Structures are given as structure tokens and as C-alpha cells.
C-alpha atoms as a PDB file:
ATOM      1  CA  MET A   1       7.817 182.155 119.915  1.00  0.00           C
ATOM      2  CA  ILE A   2       7.850 180.690 123.425  1.00  0.00           C
ATOM      3  CA  THR A   3       7.881 183.093 126.340  1.00  0.00           C
ATOM      4  CA  LEU A   4       9.071 181.788 129.696  1.00  0.00           C
ATOM      5  CA  ILE A   5       7.449 183.223 132.774  1.00  0.00           C
ATOM      6  CA  SER A   6      10.035 182.629 135.483  1.00  0.00           C
ATOM      7  CA  HIS A   7       7.628 183.594 138.214  1.00  0.00           C
ATOM      8  CA  LEU A   8       4.135 184.976 138.625  1.00  0.00           C
ATOM      9  CA  ASP A   9       5.042 187.519 141.249  1.00  0.00           C
ATOM     10  CA  VAL A  10       3.165 190.827 141.055  1.00  0.00           C
ATOM     11  CA  ASP A  11       6.179 192.821 139.860  1.00  0.00           C
ATOM     12  CA  HIS A  12       6.429 190.721 136.704  1.00  0.00           C
ATOM     13  CA  ILE A  13       2.962 189.421 135.920  1.00  0.00           C
ATOM     14  CA  SER A  14       1.475 192.922 135.833  1.00  0.00           C
ATOM     15  CA  GLY A  15       3.155 193.630 132.496  1.00  0.00           C
ATOM     16  CA  ILE A  16       2.254 190.378 130.786  1.00  0.00           C
ATOM     17  CA  HIS A  17      -0.085 192.006 128.285  1.00  0.00           C
ATOM     18  CA  LEU A  18       2.905 193.926 126.902  1.00  0.00           C
ATOM     19  CA  LEU A  19       3.994 190.584 125.419  1.00  0.00           C
ATOM     20  CA  GLU A  20       0.884 190.156 123.297  1.00  0.00           C
ATOM     21  CA  GLY A  21       2.866 188.856 120.308  1.00  0.00           C
ATOM     22  CA  ALA A  22       3.973 185.735 122.151  1.00  0.00           C
ATOM     23  CA  LYS A  23       2.228 182.584 120.973  1.00  0.00           C
ATOM     24  CA  LYS A  24       2.810 180.473 124.064  1.00  0.00           C
ATOM     25  CA  PHE A  25       3.769 181.132 127.691  1.00  0.00           C
ATOM     26  CA  ILE A  26       5.381 178.438 129.811  1.00  0.00           C
ATOM     27  CA  VAL A  27       5.644 178.417 133.579  1.00  0.00           C
ATOM     28  CA  SER A  28       6.515 175.740 136.122  1.00  0.00           C
ATOM     29  CA  GLU A  29       3.535 173.916 137.623  1.00  0.00           C
ATOM     30  CA  LYS A  30       4.829 174.814 141.092  1.00  0.00           C
ATOM     31  CA  GLU A  31       4.723 178.511 140.207  1.00  0.00           C
ATOM     32  CA  TRP A  32       1.325 178.252 138.522  1.00  0.00           C
ATOM     33  CA  ASN A  33      -0.149 176.365 141.495  1.00  0.00           C
ATOM     34  CA  ALA A  34       1.263 178.902 143.957  1.00  0.00           C
ATOM     35  CA  ALA A  35      -0.109 181.904 142.068  1.00  0.00           C
ATOM     36  CA  LYS A  36      -2.869 183.862 143.754  1.00  0.00           C
ATOM     37  CA  ASP A  37      -6.282 184.354 142.151  1.00  0.00           C
ATOM     38  CA  TYR A  38      -5.612 188.019 141.376  1.00  0.00           C
ATOM     39  CA  GLN A  39      -2.376 187.055 139.578  1.00  0.00           C
ATOM     40  CA  ILE A  40      -4.111 184.409 137.485  1.00  0.00           C
ATOM     41  CA  ALA A  41      -6.931 186.856 136.724  1.00  0.00           C
ATOM     42  CA  ARG A  42      -4.374 189.051 134.947  1.00  0.00           C
ATOM     43  CA  CYS A  43      -3.607 186.113 132.664  1.00  0.00           C
ATOM     44  CA  LYS A  44      -7.061 185.643 131.155  1.00  0.00           C
ATOM     45  CA  GLU A  45      -6.957 184.996 127.420  1.00  0.00           C
ATOM     46  CA  ILE A  46      -3.260 184.144 127.601  1.00  0.00           C
ATOM     47  CA  ASP A  47      -2.167 180.685 126.495  1.00  0.00           C
ATOM     48  CA  PHE A  48      -0.276 179.354 129.540  1.00  0.00           C
ATOM     49  CA  HIS A  49       1.400 175.954 129.545  1.00  0.00           C
ATOM     50  CA  PRO A  50       2.539 174.846 133.008  1.00  0.00           C
ATOM     51  CA  PHE A  51       5.274 172.203 132.893  1.00  0.00           C
ATOM     52  CA  SER A  52       6.171 169.602 135.461  1.00  0.00           C
ATOM     53  CA  LEU A  53       9.663 169.456 136.892  1.00  0.00           C
ATOM     54  CA  GLN A  54      11.859 166.664 135.589  1.00  0.00           C
ATOM     55  CA  PRO A  55      15.345 165.505 136.554  1.00  0.00           C
ATOM     56  CA  ILE A  56      18.069 167.587 134.869  1.00  0.00           C
ATOM     57  CA  PRO A  57      21.827 167.746 135.512  1.00  0.00           C
ATOM     58  CA  PHE A  58      21.735 171.298 136.919  1.00  0.00           C
ATOM     59  CA  GLY A  59      20.329 173.323 139.795  1.00  0.00           C
ATOM     60  CA  PRO A  60      20.136 173.119 143.560  1.00  0.00           C
ATOM     61  CA  TYR A  61      17.592 170.288 143.267  1.00  0.00           C
ATOM     62  CA  GLN A  62      18.542 169.010 139.800  1.00  0.00           C
ATOM     63  CA  LEU A  63      14.980 169.615 138.655  1.00  0.00           C
ATOM     64  CA  GLY A  64      13.633 171.592 135.734  1.00  0.00           C
ATOM     65  CA  LYS A  65      13.139 171.055 132.043  1.00  0.00           C
ATOM     66  CA  ASP A  66      15.365 170.540 129.017  1.00  0.00           C
ATOM     67  CA  LEU A  67      13.424 173.066 126.947  1.00  0.00           C
ATOM     68  CA  PHE A  68      14.091 171.632 123.484  1.00  0.00           C
ATOM     69  CA  ASP A  69      15.242 168.140 124.566  1.00  0.00           C
ATOM     70  CA  ASP A  70      18.687 168.794 123.110  1.00  0.00           C
ATOM     71  CA  GLY A  71      20.779 169.803 126.161  1.00  0.00           C
ATOM     72  CA  LEU A  72      21.196 173.397 124.983  1.00  0.00           C
ATOM     73  CA  VAL A  73      18.629 175.275 127.084  1.00  0.00           C
ATOM     74  CA  TYR A  74      17.564 174.206 130.559  1.00  0.00           C
ATOM     75  CA  LEU A  75      14.847 175.694 132.716  1.00  0.00           C
ATOM     76  CA  VAL A  76      16.359 175.264 136.176  1.00  0.00           C
ATOM     77  CA  PHE A  77      14.197 175.062 139.302  1.00  0.00           C
ATOM     78  CA  THR A  78      15.660 177.689 141.671  1.00  0.00           C
ATOM     79  CA  PRO A  79      12.938 178.295 144.274  1.00  0.00           C
ATOM     80  CA  GLY A  80      12.994 180.602 147.247  1.00  0.00           C
ATOM     81  CA  HIS A  81      12.036 183.993 145.886  1.00  0.00           C
ATOM     82  CA  THR A  82       8.818 182.299 144.769  1.00  0.00           C
ATOM     83  CA  PRO A  83       7.789 178.619 145.081  1.00  0.00           C
ATOM     84  CA  GLY A  84       8.339 177.698 141.445  1.00  0.00           C
ATOM     85  CA  LEU A  85      11.015 180.160 140.349  1.00  0.00           C
ATOM     86  CA  ILE A  86      12.863 179.161 137.200  1.00  0.00           C
ATOM     87  CA  SER A  87      16.279 180.283 135.982  1.00  0.00           C
ATOM     88  CA  VAL A  88      17.514 179.677 132.440  1.00  0.00           C
ATOM     89  CA  LEU A  89      20.779 177.991 131.568  1.00  0.00           C
ATOM     90  CA  ALA A  90      21.813 178.307 127.917  1.00  0.00           C
ATOM     91  CA  ARG A  91      24.727 176.673 126.141  1.00  0.00           C
ATOM     92  CA  VAL A  92      26.829 179.093 124.098  1.00  0.00           C
ATOM     93  CA  GLU A  93      30.021 178.609 122.121  1.00  0.00           C
ATOM     94  CA  ASP A  94      32.364 179.064 125.105  1.00  0.00           C
ATOM     95  CA  GLY A  95      30.251 177.432 127.830  1.00  0.00           C
ATOM     96  CA  TRP A  96      27.102 178.373 129.709  1.00  0.00           C
ATOM     97  CA  ILE A  97      25.181 181.549 130.422  1.00  0.00           C
ATOM     98  CA  LEU A  98      22.954 181.476 133.470  1.00  0.00           C
ATOM     99  CA  LEU A  99      19.999 183.858 133.548  1.00  0.00           C
ATOM    100  CA  ALA A 100      19.481 183.745 137.304  1.00  0.00           C
ATOM    101  CA  SER A 101      16.033 185.343 137.278  1.00  0.00           C
ATOM    102  CA  ASP A 102      15.329 186.743 140.767  1.00  0.00           C
ATOM    103  CA  VAL A 103      17.408 184.205 142.701  1.00  0.00           C
ATOM    104  CA  GLY A 104      19.443 187.279 143.586  1.00  0.00           C
ATOM    105  CA  TYR A 105      19.516 190.814 142.302  1.00  0.00           C
ATOM    106  CA  SER A 106      23.205 190.983 141.349  1.00  0.00           C
ATOM    107  CA  GLN A 107      26.550 189.249 141.781  1.00  0.00           C
ATOM    108  CA  GLU A 108      26.657 190.699 145.297  1.00  0.00           C
ATOM    109  CA  SER A 109      23.599 188.606 146.156  1.00  0.00           C
ATOM    110  CA  TRP A 110      25.172 185.212 145.526  1.00  0.00           C
ATOM    111  CA  ASN A 111      28.665 186.210 146.594  1.00  0.00           C
ATOM    112  CA  HIS A 112      27.414 187.400 149.998  1.00  0.00           C
ATOM    113  CA  SER A 113      24.227 185.320 150.456  1.00  0.00           C
ATOM    114  CA  ILE A 114      21.938 188.345 150.224  1.00  0.00           C
ATOM    115  CA  LEU A 115      18.367 187.165 149.774  1.00  0.00           C
ATOM    116  CA  PRO A 116      15.972 188.963 147.434  1.00  0.00           C
ATOM    117  CA  GLY A 117      13.645 191.461 149.098  1.00  0.00           C
ATOM    118  CA  TYR A 118      10.812 188.935 149.145  1.00  0.00           C
ATOM    119  CA  THR A 119      11.115 185.200 149.672  1.00  0.00           C
ATOM    120  CA  SER A 120       8.524 182.481 149.880  1.00  0.00           C
ATOM    121  CA  ASN A 121      11.071 180.210 151.590  1.00  0.00           C
ATOM    122  CA  ASP A 122      14.345 181.536 153.034  1.00  0.00           C
ATOM    123  CA  GLN A 123      16.053 178.122 153.149  1.00  0.00           C
ATOM    124  CA  GLN A 124      15.297 177.394 149.487  1.00  0.00           C
ATOM    125  CA  ALA A 125      16.354 180.931 148.567  1.00  0.00           C
ATOM    126  CA  LEU A 126      19.735 180.378 150.260  1.00  0.00           C
ATOM    127  CA  GLU A 127      20.172 176.996 148.554  1.00  0.00           C
ATOM    128  CA  SER A 128      19.387 178.555 145.172  1.00  0.00           C
ATOM    129  CA  LEU A 129      21.827 181.426 145.838  1.00  0.00           C
ATOM    130  CA  GLU A 130      24.519 178.948 146.826  1.00  0.00           C
ATOM    131  CA  TRP A 131      23.971 176.966 143.617  1.00  0.00           C
ATOM    132  CA  VAL A 132      24.256 180.155 141.529  1.00  0.00           C
ATOM    133  CA  LYS A 133      27.471 181.073 143.353  1.00  0.00           C
ATOM    134  CA  THR A 134      28.941 177.603 142.782  1.00  0.00           C
ATOM    135  CA  PHE A 135      27.875 177.598 139.135  1.00  0.00           C
ATOM    136  CA  SER A 136      29.337 181.084 138.590  1.00  0.00           C
ATOM    137  CA  GLN A 137      32.768 179.737 139.601  1.00  0.00           C
ATOM    138  CA  ARG A 138      32.812 176.985 136.975  1.00  0.00           C
ATOM    139  CA  GLU A 139      35.397 177.315 134.216  1.00  0.00           C
ATOM    140  CA  ASP A 140      32.684 176.898 131.605  1.00  0.00           C
ATOM    141  CA  CYS A 141      30.414 179.602 133.077  1.00  0.00           C
ATOM    142  CA  VAL A 142      30.599 182.523 130.662  1.00  0.00           C
ATOM    143  CA  ALA A 143      28.234 184.791 132.587  1.00  0.00           C
ATOM    144  CA  VAL A 144      25.557 184.899 135.265  1.00  0.00           C
ATOM    145  CA  ILE A 145      22.925 187.568 134.718  1.00  0.00           C
ATOM    146  CA  ALA A 146      20.291 188.582 137.268  1.00  0.00           C
ATOM    147  CA  ASN A 147      17.000 190.235 136.239  1.00  0.00           C
ATOM    148  CA  HIS A 148      17.511 193.447 138.190  1.00  0.00           C
ATOM    149  CA  ASP A 149      21.278 193.868 138.054  1.00  0.00           C
ATOM    150  CA  PRO A 150      22.047 197.498 137.134  1.00  0.00           C
ATOM    151  CA  PHE A 151      25.606 196.560 136.146  1.00  0.00           C
ATOM    152  CA  VAL A 152      24.671 194.152 133.359  1.00  0.00           C
ATOM    153  CA  LYS A 153      25.890 195.459 130.033  1.00  0.00           C
ATOM    154  CA  PHE A 154      24.774 194.500 126.569  1.00  0.00           C
ATOM    155  CA  GLY A 155      27.048 191.901 125.067  1.00  0.00           C
ATOM    156  CA  ILE A 156      27.338 188.971 122.745  1.00  0.00           C
ATOM    157  CA  TYR A 157      28.358 185.725 124.421  1.00  0.00           C
END
């Protein structure tokens, strides 16, 4: 099992030990390098694998990682909330599902350019929100799901 850490912000990294069954954690190098000492201290004895950003066909900067090198799952560099924030884009039968991480907290965020409560870079956060909004309007976009959206319902896509 691979567990993606989209960002090492305090609200998410504090629960990392709840995922003790994961064999491998991956995180963008930008996020890993931006993490504070106290955040990294919480990760002792956890097998982290930072990855470098590579050109991909998606995202506000077209950088990320083709997770399995097959074009089905992309880790998309969507910075702004944190320096190395990653969203996940997965190919499904009818198109794409975008797991927008904390780029925004709900559809309202990208539809109205509402930044997350904390940003490391407002300009990058706006660019990432704009990319999510544009992607959400594609014919082949099945769904965009934000981490903290209270309106997300369980479903099969």
C-alpha cells in the first residue's frame, strides 16, 4: 500500500501514526523541504519517500508525478495552501476524478476564488484554485472532491 501525504501541515501530519499499516508514504520534495522540524519529528520511524516534480499534462504548472507511469493516476502540483501541496487526478470509466486536497475547502472555494484559511503563497493558491475551477468544467470531469467539503457524499464513480 502506498499512502500519499498531500501536505505536511499540522492539521494532517498530527494523525499520521493512525496509518501505521501503510508500507510507504510519498510526499513531494517541495512539501518535505518546506516542513518544519516539529512536523518532521512526528514522522520518525515512518518510511517517507519524497518525489521530485516532473512534467505532466495537468495542473496549474503542469508538474507532478504519473504515479504508476500508466496515465491513470497523477499527483498534481497545486501549491498555495502549502508550498508542495499535491492533488490527485484519477482516471475512471467516464473521465477523471480530481481529489483537490486543500486547494479549496468546497466547490464554493474554486467557483468564487475563496482561498483556504491558511496559505503559504496567495498567488499560487489563486492559480491552483483557478486550475481546479477550469478542470471542474471539463466534459470529462466526473467529480472534484475537496478534503473538507461537508457536502461530499459517498459514491461510486
